[in-house]
Amino acid sequence: MEILIKKEENDKLLNRKKLELEIKHEKEPIPSRKQIIEFLCKKYNVDESKVKIKYILGKKGSATSIAKCYIHEA
């Protein structure tokens, strides 16, 4: 499984980062929310309670998915 960060924005009003991810998962199921949260916690060095996943969408007929996540800073 490979996770690429396609877009990253700082939302100063809500004190969080908005992330759009592209997940490549050849011959594997769509990754769970827990797997994505663990990846983001390691990458950004934050606690699991700070990471929220809005959605994970699988693209039909391909081994890629799109996810939208938030990392709260407060």
N, C-alpha and C. Protein backbone atom coordinates (compact mmCIF):
# COMPACT_ATOMS: atom_id res chain seq x y z
N MET A 1 0.85 -1.17 0.00
CA MET A 1 0.00 0.00 0.00
C MET A 1 0.90 1.24 0.00
N GLU A 2 0.55 2.18 -0.85
CA GLU A 2 1.30 3.43 -0.96
C GLU A 2 0.33 4.59 -0.79
N ILE A 3 0.68 5.53 0.08
CA ILE A 3 -0.18 6.69 0.34
C ILE A 3 0.55 7.95 -0.11
N LEU A 4 -0.10 8.69 -1.01
CA LEU A 4 0.47 9.94 -1.52
C LEU A 4 -0.41 11.11 -1.07
N ILE A 5 0.22 12.18 -0.63
CA ILE A 5 -0.52 13.38 -0.24
C ILE A 5 -0.65 14.26 -1.47
N LYS A 6 -1.87 14.35 -2.00
CA LYS A 6 -2.13 15.11 -3.23
C LYS A 6 -2.25 16.61 -2.95
N LYS A 7 -2.85 16.95 -1.79
CA LYS A 7 -3.10 18.35 -1.49
C LYS A 7 -3.07 18.54 0.02
N GLU A 8 -2.45 19.63 0.45
CA GLU A 8 -2.39 19.96 1.87
C GLU A 8 -2.64 21.45 2.04
N GLU A 9 -3.61 21.79 2.87
CA GLU A 9 -3.96 23.19 3.12
C GLU A 9 -4.03 23.44 4.62
N ASN A 10 -3.60 24.61 5.04
CA ASN A 10 -3.77 25.02 6.44
C ASN A 10 -5.04 25.84 6.54
N ASP A 11 -5.93 25.44 7.41
CA ASP A 11 -7.17 26.17 7.67
C ASP A 11 -7.01 26.88 9.01
N LYS A 12 -6.59 28.12 8.95
CA LYS A 12 -6.29 28.87 10.18
C LYS A 12 -7.55 29.19 10.98
N LEU A 13 -8.66 29.35 10.31
CA LEU A 13 -9.90 29.67 11.01
C LEU A 13 -10.32 28.53 11.94
N LEU A 14 -10.23 27.30 11.46
CA LEU A 14 -10.62 26.14 12.27
C LEU A 14 -9.42 25.45 12.92
N ASN A 15 -8.22 26.00 12.71
CA ASN A 15 -7.00 25.50 13.33
C ASN A 15 -6.76 24.02 13.01
N ARG A 16 -6.72 23.71 11.71
CA ARG A 16 -6.50 22.34 11.28
C ARG A 16 -5.86 22.32 9.89
N LYS A 17 -5.35 21.15 9.52
CA LYS A 17 -4.83 20.93 8.18
C LYS A 17 -5.83 20.08 7.42
N LYS A 18 -6.06 20.42 6.16
CA LYS A 18 -6.92 19.61 5.29
C LYS A 18 -6.00 18.84 4.35
N LEU A 19 -6.21 17.55 4.27
CA LEU A 19 -5.38 16.70 3.41
C LEU A 19 -6.25 15.92 2.44
N GLU A 20 -5.78 15.82 1.21
CA GLU A 20 -6.39 14.92 0.24
C GLU A 20 -5.33 13.89 -0.11
N LEU A 21 -5.68 12.62 0.06
CA LEU A 21 -4.74 11.53 -0.14
C LEU A 21 -5.14 10.67 -1.33
N GLU A 22 -4.15 10.12 -2.00
CA GLU A 22 -4.37 9.09 -3.01
C GLU A 22 -3.70 7.83 -2.50
N ILE A 23 -4.46 6.75 -2.41
CA ILE A 23 -3.97 5.51 -1.84
C ILE A 23 -3.95 4.45 -2.93
N LYS A 24 -2.77 3.90 -3.19
CA LYS A 24 -2.63 2.82 -4.17
C LYS A 24 -2.53 1.51 -3.39
N HIS A 25 -3.44 0.59 -3.69
CA HIS A 25 -3.48 -0.69 -2.95
C HIS A 25 -3.66 -1.84 -3.94
N GLU A 26 -2.55 -2.21 -4.57
CA GLU A 26 -2.55 -3.32 -5.53
C GLU A 26 -2.86 -4.63 -4.82
N LYS A 27 -3.84 -5.35 -5.32
CA LYS A 27 -4.23 -6.68 -4.82
C LYS A 27 -4.52 -6.69 -3.32
N GLU A 28 -4.99 -5.57 -2.79
CA GLU A 28 -5.37 -5.45 -1.39
C GLU A 28 -6.72 -4.74 -1.32
N PRO A 29 -7.46 -4.94 -0.24
CA PRO A 29 -8.72 -4.20 -0.10
C PRO A 29 -8.44 -2.72 0.21
N ILE A 30 -9.49 -1.92 0.15
CA ILE A 30 -9.36 -0.51 0.52
C ILE A 30 -8.87 -0.45 1.97
N PRO A 31 -7.86 0.35 2.26
CA PRO A 31 -7.32 0.40 3.62
C PRO A 31 -8.35 0.93 4.61
N SER A 32 -8.23 0.46 5.84
CA SER A 32 -9.17 0.88 6.89
C SER A 32 -8.81 2.28 7.38
N ARG A 33 -9.75 2.89 8.06
CA ARG A 33 -9.52 4.20 8.65
C ARG A 33 -8.34 4.15 9.63
N LYS A 34 -8.26 3.04 10.37
CA LYS A 34 -7.20 2.89 11.36
C LYS A 34 -5.82 2.89 10.69
N GLN A 35 -5.68 2.22 9.55
CA GLN A 35 -4.40 2.20 8.84
C GLN A 35 -4.00 3.61 8.37
N ILE A 36 -4.96 4.36 7.88
CA ILE A 36 -4.68 5.71 7.40
C ILE A 36 -4.34 6.63 8.57
N ILE A 37 -5.07 6.51 9.66
CA ILE A 37 -4.78 7.32 10.84
C ILE A 37 -3.38 7.04 11.37
N GLU A 38 -2.99 5.77 11.43
CA GLU A 38 -1.65 5.41 11.89
C GLU A 38 -0.57 6.01 10.98
N PHE A 39 -0.80 5.99 9.66
CA PHE A 39 0.15 6.58 8.72
C PHE A 39 0.30 8.08 8.98
N LEU A 40 -0.82 8.79 9.12
CA LEU A 40 -0.78 10.24 9.33
C LEU A 40 -0.18 10.60 10.68
N CYS A 41 -0.42 9.80 11.71
CA CYS A 41 0.16 10.07 13.03
C CYS A 41 1.67 9.97 12.98
N LYS A 42 2.19 8.98 12.27
CA LYS A 42 3.64 8.83 12.14
C LYS A 42 4.23 9.96 11.31
N LYS A 43 3.58 10.30 10.22
CA LYS A 43 4.11 11.32 9.31
C LYS A 43 4.13 12.71 9.94
N TYR A 44 3.05 13.08 10.64
CA TYR A 44 2.92 14.42 11.20
C TYR A 44 3.21 14.48 12.70
N ASN A 45 3.54 13.34 13.30
CA ASN A 45 3.89 13.26 14.72
C ASN A 45 2.80 13.86 15.61
N VAL A 46 1.59 13.37 15.43
CA VAL A 46 0.44 13.82 16.22
C VAL A 46 -0.25 12.62 16.86
N ASP A 47 -1.09 12.90 17.83
CA ASP A 47 -1.87 11.87 18.51
C ASP A 47 -3.04 11.43 17.63
N GLU A 48 -3.48 10.20 17.80
CA GLU A 48 -4.60 9.67 17.00
C GLU A 48 -5.88 10.46 17.19
N SER A 49 -6.07 11.05 18.35
CA SER A 49 -7.30 11.81 18.61
C SER A 49 -7.37 13.11 17.81
N LYS A 50 -6.26 13.55 17.24
CA LYS A 50 -6.21 14.78 16.45
C LYS A 50 -6.56 14.56 14.98
N VAL A 51 -6.60 13.31 14.53
CA VAL A 51 -6.81 12.99 13.12
C VAL A 51 -8.25 12.52 12.89
N LYS A 52 -8.91 13.14 11.93
CA LYS A 52 -10.28 12.75 11.55
C LYS A 52 -10.30 12.47 10.05
N ILE A 53 -10.98 11.41 9.66
CA ILE A 53 -11.11 11.07 8.24
C ILE A 53 -12.55 11.34 7.83
N LYS A 54 -12.71 12.20 6.84
CA LYS A 54 -14.06 12.54 6.37
C LYS A 54 -14.61 11.42 5.49
N TYR A 55 -13.79 10.94 4.54
CA TYR A 55 -14.25 9.85 3.69
C TYR A 55 -13.06 9.13 3.04
N ILE A 56 -13.34 7.90 2.61
CA ILE A 56 -12.43 7.12 1.78
C ILE A 56 -13.27 6.57 0.63
N LEU A 57 -12.91 6.93 -0.60
CA LEU A 57 -13.67 6.48 -1.77
C LEU A 57 -12.79 5.63 -2.67
N GLY A 58 -13.26 4.45 -3.01
CA GLY A 58 -12.55 3.61 -3.94
C GLY A 58 -12.97 3.91 -5.36
N LYS A 59 -12.01 3.95 -6.26
CA LYS A 59 -12.32 4.17 -7.68
C LYS A 59 -12.67 2.82 -8.30
N LYS A 60 -13.79 2.76 -8.95
CA LYS A 60 -14.26 1.51 -9.54
C LYS A 60 -13.32 1.05 -10.66
N GLY A 61 -12.92 -0.21 -10.60
CA GLY A 61 -12.10 -0.79 -11.64
C GLY A 61 -10.61 -0.49 -11.52
N SER A 62 -10.20 0.17 -10.45
CA SER A 62 -8.77 0.43 -10.27
C SER A 62 -8.38 0.15 -8.83
N ALA A 63 -7.09 0.09 -8.60
CA ALA A 63 -6.58 -0.21 -7.25
C ALA A 63 -6.15 1.07 -6.55
N THR A 64 -6.91 2.14 -6.73
CA THR A 64 -6.61 3.39 -6.04
C THR A 64 -7.86 3.91 -5.34
N SER A 65 -7.63 4.63 -4.26
CA SER A 65 -8.71 5.25 -3.50
C SER A 65 -8.32 6.69 -3.20
N ILE A 66 -9.32 7.49 -2.90
CA ILE A 66 -9.13 8.88 -2.52
C ILE A 66 -9.67 9.05 -1.10
N ALA A 67 -8.94 9.80 -0.27
CA ALA A 67 -9.39 10.06 1.10
C ALA A 67 -9.24 11.54 1.42
N LYS A 68 -10.15 12.05 2.24
CA LYS A 68 -10.06 13.42 2.72
C LYS A 68 -9.95 13.35 4.24
N CYS A 69 -8.92 14.02 4.78
CA CYS A 69 -8.64 13.93 6.21
C CYS A 69 -8.39 15.31 6.80
N TYR A 70 -8.55 15.41 8.11
CA TYR A 70 -8.26 16.64 8.85
C TYR A 70 -7.33 16.29 10.00
N ILE A 71 -6.35 17.17 10.23
CA ILE A 71 -5.50 17.05 11.41
C ILE A 71 -5.69 18.33 12.22
N HIS A 72 -6.31 18.17 13.40
CA HIS A 72 -6.58 19.31 14.27
C HIS A 72 -5.34 19.63 15.09
N GLU A 73 -5.05 20.90 15.22
CA GLU A 73 -3.85 21.31 15.93
C GLU A 73 -4.11 21.73 17.37
N ALA A 74 -5.35 21.99 17.72
CA ALA A 74 -5.64 22.42 19.09
C ALA A 74 -6.10 21.28 19.95
